[in-house]
Amino acid sequence: MVSKNSNSNLLFFAGLLGFLGVALGAFGAHGLKSILTPDLMTIFDTGSKYHLIHSVVLLALALSEKTTESKPLRVGFWFIFAGVLIFSGSLYILSITGIRILGAVTPFGGVSLLIGWSSIAYSAFIKKD
């Protein structure tokens, strides 16, 4: 997409996700706080917190030279990326629309985050692929 260098692509997506995390967090804090109920604001804040924390994880993976050499680290990157989109995205949409059924999607994002973290942990036990 951005470059033939695999880490450049990872860095681009980590940066994009981080940018969106800050923008959406600010939108929630300044644009939604007076509109949403406290319950829905808490849901939005949870999505924002997970979004920003995992954006930093993706940045660390993108900056690591080991990620280029390790399939489990790359797999972990993409599962965490997808997890943020699904987990945080479903919480953002749920909180803004109030459509509670969207909460049924959120656990799939959580599982994706767990798979990503497991893949990162697994990478510690393999030499090189």
C-alpha atoms as a PDB file:
ATOM      1  CA  MET A   1       0.000   0.000   0.000  1.00  0.00           C
ATOM      2  CA  VAL A   2       2.385   2.719   1.165  1.00  0.00           C
ATOM      3  CA  SER A   3       5.724   1.074   0.434  1.00  0.00           C
ATOM      4  CA  LYS A   4       7.247  -2.225  -0.513  1.00  0.00           C
ATOM      5  CA  ASN A   5       8.759  -2.335   2.977  1.00  0.00           C
ATOM      6  CA  SER A   6       6.471  -4.421   5.193  1.00  0.00           C
ATOM      7  CA  ASN A   7       7.266  -2.396   8.312  1.00  0.00           C
ATOM      8  CA  SER A   8       6.352   0.837   6.507  1.00  0.00           C
ATOM      9  CA  ASN A   9       2.880  -0.565   5.915  1.00  0.00           C
ATOM     10  CA  LEU A  10       2.591  -1.598   9.562  1.00  0.00           C
ATOM     11  CA  LEU A  11       3.797   1.826  10.658  1.00  0.00           C
ATOM     12  CA  PHE A  12       1.228   3.499   8.399  1.00  0.00           C
ATOM     13  CA  PHE A  13      -1.646   1.460   9.860  1.00  0.00           C
ATOM     14  CA  ALA A  14      -0.417   1.945  13.436  1.00  0.00           C
ATOM     15  CA  GLY A  15      -0.192   5.689  12.838  1.00  0.00           C
ATOM     16  CA  LEU A  16      -3.610   5.803  11.213  1.00  0.00           C
ATOM     17  CA  LEU A  17      -5.192   3.896  14.084  1.00  0.00           C
ATOM     18  CA  GLY A  18      -3.445   6.125  16.637  1.00  0.00           C
ATOM     19  CA  PHE A  19      -4.618   9.260  14.819  1.00  0.00           C
ATOM     20  CA  LEU A  20      -8.200   7.978  14.777  1.00  0.00           C
ATOM     21  CA  GLY A  21      -7.948   7.048  18.460  1.00  0.00           C
ATOM     22  CA  VAL A  22      -6.987  10.596  19.433  1.00  0.00           C
ATOM     23  CA  ALA A  23      -9.575  12.154  17.094  1.00  0.00           C
ATOM     24  CA  LEU A  24     -12.401   9.920  18.308  1.00  0.00           C
ATOM     25  CA  GLY A  25     -11.375  10.352  21.945  1.00  0.00           C
ATOM     26  CA  ALA A  26     -11.485  14.134  21.553  1.00  0.00           C
ATOM     27  CA  PHE A  27     -14.808  13.888  19.731  1.00  0.00           C
ATOM     28  CA  GLY A  28     -16.216  11.868  22.603  1.00  0.00           C
ATOM     29  CA  ALA A  29     -14.851  14.152  25.316  1.00  0.00           C
ATOM     30  CA  HIS A  30     -15.881  17.401  23.658  1.00  0.00           C
ATOM     31  CA  GLY A  31     -18.722  16.551  21.311  1.00  0.00           C
ATOM     32  CA  LEU A  32     -20.578  13.733  22.987  1.00  0.00           C
ATOM     33  CA  LYS A  33     -20.217  14.275  26.741  1.00  0.00           C
ATOM     34  CA  SER A  34     -23.220  16.608  26.892  1.00  0.00           C
ATOM     35  CA  ILE A  35     -25.287  14.473  24.493  1.00  0.00           C
ATOM     36  CA  LEU A  36     -24.805  10.880  25.668  1.00  0.00           C
ATOM     37  CA  THR A  37     -26.129   9.397  28.865  1.00  0.00           C
ATOM     38  CA  PRO A  38     -23.436   8.567  31.432  1.00  0.00           C
ATOM     39  CA  ASP A  39     -23.910   4.855  30.637  1.00  0.00           C
ATOM     40  CA  LEU A  40     -23.346   5.365  26.918  1.00  0.00           C
ATOM     41  CA  MET A  41     -20.425   7.725  27.583  1.00  0.00           C
ATOM     42  CA  THR A  42     -18.782   4.998  29.676  1.00  0.00           C
ATOM     43  CA  ILE A  43     -19.180   2.594  26.751  1.00  0.00           C
ATOM     44  CA  PHE A  44     -17.615   5.138  24.377  1.00  0.00           C
ATOM     45  CA  ASP A  45     -14.756   5.728  26.829  1.00  0.00           C
ATOM     46  CA  THR A  46     -14.071   1.980  27.051  1.00  0.00           C
ATOM     47  CA  GLY A  47     -13.808   1.788  23.260  1.00  0.00           C
ATOM     48  CA  SER A  48     -11.495   4.790  23.238  1.00  0.00           C
ATOM     49  CA  LYS A  49      -9.263   3.389  25.988  1.00  0.00           C
ATOM     50  CA  TYR A  50      -8.797   0.025  24.252  1.00  0.00           C
ATOM     51  CA  HIS A  51      -8.303   1.801  20.921  1.00  0.00           C
ATOM     52  CA  LEU A  52      -5.486   4.035  22.167  1.00  0.00           C
ATOM     53  CA  ILE A  53      -3.723   1.368  24.243  1.00  0.00           C
ATOM     54  CA  HIS A  54      -3.639  -1.051  21.326  1.00  0.00           C
ATOM     55  CA  SER A  55      -2.537   1.673  18.909  1.00  0.00           C
ATOM     56  CA  VAL A  56       0.627   2.014  21.001  1.00  0.00           C
ATOM     57  CA  VAL A  57       1.119  -1.764  20.867  1.00  0.00           C
ATOM     58  CA  LEU A  58       0.807  -1.669  17.081  1.00  0.00           C
ATOM     59  CA  LEU A  59       3.306   1.173  16.922  1.00  0.00           C
ATOM     60  CA  ALA A  60       5.816  -0.843  18.970  1.00  0.00           C
ATOM     61  CA  LEU A  61       5.339  -3.844  16.689  1.00  0.00           C
ATOM     62  CA  ALA A  62       5.702  -1.690  13.574  1.00  0.00           C
ATOM     63  CA  LEU A  63       8.953  -0.202  14.877  1.00  0.00           C
ATOM     64  CA  SER A  64      10.424  -3.555  15.854  1.00  0.00           C
ATOM     65  CA  GLU A  65      12.817  -5.170  13.384  1.00  0.00           C
ATOM     66  CA  LYS A  66      11.710  -8.538  14.768  1.00  0.00           C
ATOM     67  CA  THR A  67       8.243  -8.088  13.270  1.00  0.00           C
ATOM     68  CA  THR A  68       9.641  -8.386   9.734  1.00  0.00           C
ATOM     69  CA  GLU A  69      11.266 -11.705  10.623  1.00  0.00           C
ATOM     70  CA  SER A  70       8.458 -13.184  12.725  1.00  0.00           C
ATOM     71  CA  LYS A  71       5.207 -14.435  11.255  1.00  0.00           C
ATOM     72  CA  PRO A  72       3.560 -14.688  14.711  1.00  0.00           C
ATOM     73  CA  LEU A  73       4.351 -11.015  15.378  1.00  0.00           C
ATOM     74  CA  ARG A  74       2.848 -10.007  12.030  1.00  0.00           C
ATOM     75  CA  VAL A  75      -0.201 -12.184  12.707  1.00  0.00           C
ATOM     76  CA  GLY A  76      -0.459 -10.598  16.146  1.00  0.00           C
ATOM     77  CA  PHE A  77      -0.320  -7.131  14.589  1.00  0.00           C
ATOM     78  CA  TRP A  78      -3.200  -7.842  12.216  1.00  0.00           C
ATOM     79  CA  PHE A  79      -5.373  -9.572  14.827  1.00  0.00           C
ATOM     80  CA  ILE A  80      -4.921  -6.622  17.176  1.00  0.00           C
ATOM     81  CA  PHE A  81      -5.649  -4.209  14.332  1.00  0.00           C
ATOM     82  CA  ALA A  82      -8.860  -6.088  13.484  1.00  0.00           C
ATOM     83  CA  GLY A  83      -9.701  -6.374  17.178  1.00  0.00           C
ATOM     84  CA  VAL A  84      -9.538  -2.618  17.631  1.00  0.00           C
ATOM     85  CA  LEU A  85     -11.751  -2.060  14.594  1.00  0.00           C
ATOM     86  CA  ILE A  86     -14.342  -4.571  15.789  1.00  0.00           C
ATOM     87  CA  PHE A  87     -14.151  -4.066  19.570  1.00  0.00           C
ATOM     88  CA  SER A  88     -13.783  -0.305  19.744  1.00  0.00           C
ATOM     89  CA  GLY A  89     -15.753   0.304  16.561  1.00  0.00           C
ATOM     90  CA  SER A  90     -18.775  -1.595  17.841  1.00  0.00           C
ATOM     91  CA  LEU A  91     -18.611   0.285  21.167  1.00  0.00           C
ATOM     92  CA  TYR A  92     -18.369   3.641  19.389  1.00  0.00           C
ATOM     93  CA  ILE A  93     -21.360   2.856  17.196  1.00  0.00           C
ATOM     94  CA  LEU A  94     -23.351   1.373  20.092  1.00  0.00           C
ATOM     95  CA  SER A  95     -22.778   4.425  22.266  1.00  0.00           C
ATOM     96  CA  ILE A  96     -23.667   6.912  19.528  1.00  0.00           C
ATOM     97  CA  THR A  97     -26.721   5.077  18.206  1.00  0.00           C
ATOM     98  CA  GLY A  98     -27.898   3.395  21.396  1.00  0.00           C
ATOM     99  CA  ILE A  99     -28.506   0.184  19.435  1.00  0.00           C
ATOM    100  CA  ARG A 100     -27.684  -2.367  22.137  1.00  0.00           C
ATOM    101  CA  ILE A 101     -27.626  -5.377  19.799  1.00  0.00           C
ATOM    102  CA  LEU A 102     -24.274  -4.078  18.520  1.00  0.00           C
ATOM    103  CA  GLY A 103     -22.880  -5.216  21.860  1.00  0.00           C
ATOM    104  CA  ALA A 104     -23.154  -8.750  20.481  1.00  0.00           C
ATOM    105  CA  VAL A 105     -20.364  -7.926  18.001  1.00  0.00           C
ATOM    106  CA  THR A 106     -17.969  -6.544  20.626  1.00  0.00           C
ATOM    107  CA  PRO A 107     -16.801  -9.940  21.981  1.00  0.00           C
ATOM    108  CA  PHE A 108     -15.555 -10.907  18.507  1.00  0.00           C
ATOM    109  CA  GLY A 109     -13.244  -7.911  18.672  1.00  0.00           C
ATOM    110  CA  GLY A 110     -12.156  -8.957  22.148  1.00  0.00           C
ATOM    111  CA  VAL A 111     -11.346 -12.451  20.910  1.00  0.00           C
ATOM    112  CA  SER A 112      -9.348 -10.950  18.053  1.00  0.00           C
ATOM    113  CA  LEU A 113      -7.353  -8.889  20.566  1.00  0.00           C
ATOM    114  CA  LEU A 114      -6.721 -12.025  22.643  1.00  0.00           C
ATOM    115  CA  ILE A 115      -5.552 -13.964  19.586  1.00  0.00           C
ATOM    116  CA  GLY A 116      -3.238 -11.086  18.709  1.00  0.00           C
ATOM    117  CA  TRP A 117      -1.714 -11.032  22.183  1.00  0.00           C
ATOM    118  CA  SER A 118      -1.425 -14.838  22.180  1.00  0.00           C
ATOM    119  CA  SER A 119       0.386 -14.725  18.859  1.00  0.00           C
ATOM    120  CA  ILE A 120       2.819 -12.178  20.260  1.00  0.00           C
ATOM    121  CA  ALA A 121       3.432 -14.387  23.297  1.00  0.00           C
ATOM    122  CA  TYR A 122       3.860 -17.435  21.071  1.00  0.00           C
ATOM    123  CA  SER A 123       6.551 -15.614  19.092  1.00  0.00           C
ATOM    124  CA  ALA A 124       8.814 -15.801  22.138  1.00  0.00           C
ATOM    125  CA  PHE A 125       9.022 -19.577  21.797  1.00  0.00           C
ATOM    126  CA  ILE A 126       9.971 -19.892  18.143  1.00  0.00           C
ATOM    127  CA  LYS A 127      13.347 -19.210  16.614  1.00  0.00           C
ATOM    128  CA  LYS A 128      12.549 -17.941  13.131  1.00  0.00           C
ATOM    129  CA  ASP A 129      10.073 -18.790  10.365  1.00  0.00           C
END
